[in-house]
């Protein structure tokens, strides 16, 4: 039939979010849930954390548009609040 598209969502990580711990948890999840290994992963999408970039540097990596949009909206809201505060002063 063709290659299947699968999505993996990691659960809470009860340790520091270092690139090593992220990679280990990801590989463990793939092995246990998908009965597969990292060599079969075509790419990964994460937020912009440097630990994610380092953990998956050998895979085609894409930043999440939704996360980037969230950051942009928060920045715009902060600027708006700052401007309103200065107008009221």
Protein backbone atom coordinates (compact mmCIF):
# COMPACT_ATOMS: atom_id res chain seq x y z
CA UNK A 1 0.00 0.00 0.00
CA UNK A 2 2.52 2.74 0.75
CA UNK A 3 4.24 4.26 3.70
CA UNK A 4 2.07 5.09 6.68
CA UNK A 5 2.15 8.50 8.29
CA UNK A 6 2.42 8.23 12.04
CA UNK A 7 2.53 10.77 14.81
CA UNK A 8 4.30 10.22 18.10
CA UNK A 9 3.50 12.31 21.15
CA UNK A 10 5.78 11.89 24.12
CA UNK A 11 4.29 11.94 27.57
CA UNK A 12 5.59 14.07 30.41
CA UNK A 13 9.31 13.72 30.88
CA UNK A 14 10.12 13.44 34.58
CA UNK A 15 13.71 14.60 34.18
CA UNK A 16 15.59 17.59 32.82
CA UNK A 17 14.84 18.29 29.18
CA UNK A 18 18.38 17.84 27.95
CA UNK A 19 19.06 16.76 24.40
CA UNK A 20 20.24 13.39 25.74
CA UNK A 21 17.10 12.72 27.81
CA UNK A 22 14.80 13.85 24.99
CA UNK A 23 16.52 11.62 22.47
CA UNK A 24 16.50 8.65 24.84
CA UNK A 25 12.79 9.06 25.64
CA UNK A 26 11.94 9.44 21.94
CA UNK A 27 13.86 6.34 20.91
CA UNK A 28 12.36 4.35 23.78
CA UNK A 29 8.84 5.39 22.76
CA UNK A 30 9.43 4.41 19.13
CA UNK A 31 10.83 1.06 20.19
CA UNK A 32 8.04 0.25 22.68
CA UNK A 33 4.95 1.66 20.94
CA UNK A 34 5.81 1.36 17.27
CA UNK A 35 8.09 -1.67 17.51
CA UNK A 36 10.50 0.23 15.30
CA UNK A 37 13.71 2.27 15.54
CA UNK A 38 14.95 5.78 14.89
CA UNK A 39 16.36 4.88 11.47
CA UNK A 40 12.79 4.68 10.12
CA UNK A 41 11.85 8.22 11.15
CA UNK A 42 11.47 10.53 8.14
CA UNK A 43 11.46 13.77 10.11
CA UNK A 44 10.47 15.48 13.33
CA UNK A 45 8.62 18.64 14.33
CA UNK A 46 9.23 20.27 17.70
CA UNK A 47 9.27 23.67 19.33
CA UNK A 48 12.36 25.85 18.97
CA UNK A 49 14.19 24.70 22.11
CA UNK A 50 17.89 24.23 21.47
CA UNK A 51 17.77 20.87 23.26
CA UNK A 52 15.29 19.62 20.64
CA UNK A 53 17.49 20.82 17.79
CA UNK A 54 20.50 19.05 19.32
CA UNK A 55 18.60 15.87 20.17
CA UNK A 56 17.38 15.38 16.62
CA UNK A 57 20.18 16.99 14.61
CA UNK A 58 20.56 13.87 12.46
CA UNK A 59 16.89 13.92 11.41
CA UNK A 60 15.12 16.34 9.10
CA UNK A 61 13.88 18.82 11.71
CA UNK A 62 11.08 21.38 11.38
CA UNK A 63 10.03 23.99 13.88
CA UNK A 64 6.35 23.95 14.75
CA UNK A 65 4.48 26.80 13.03
CA UNK A 66 1.91 26.80 15.82
CA UNK A 67 4.57 27.30 18.46
CA UNK A 68 6.19 30.11 16.46
CA UNK A 69 2.79 31.73 16.03
CA UNK A 70 2.20 31.46 19.78
CA UNK A 71 5.50 33.27 20.42
CA UNK A 72 4.61 36.02 17.93
CA UNK A 73 1.15 36.58 19.48
CA UNK A 74 2.64 36.76 22.98
CA UNK A 75 5.20 39.28 21.78
CA UNK A 76 2.49 41.40 20.12
CA UNK A 77 0.41 41.31 23.32
CA UNK A 78 3.39 42.43 25.38
CA UNK A 79 4.06 45.35 23.04
CA UNK A 80 0.38 46.32 23.11
CA UNK A 81 0.30 46.28 26.93
CA UNK A 82 3.51 48.32 27.06
CA UNK A 83 2.12 50.93 24.68
CA UNK A 84 -1.19 51.15 26.56
CA UNK A 85 0.65 51.56 29.86
CA UNK A 86 2.77 54.38 28.44
CA UNK A 87 -0.29 56.15 26.96
CA UNK A 88 -2.05 56.02 30.34
CA UNK A 89 0.99 57.46 32.16
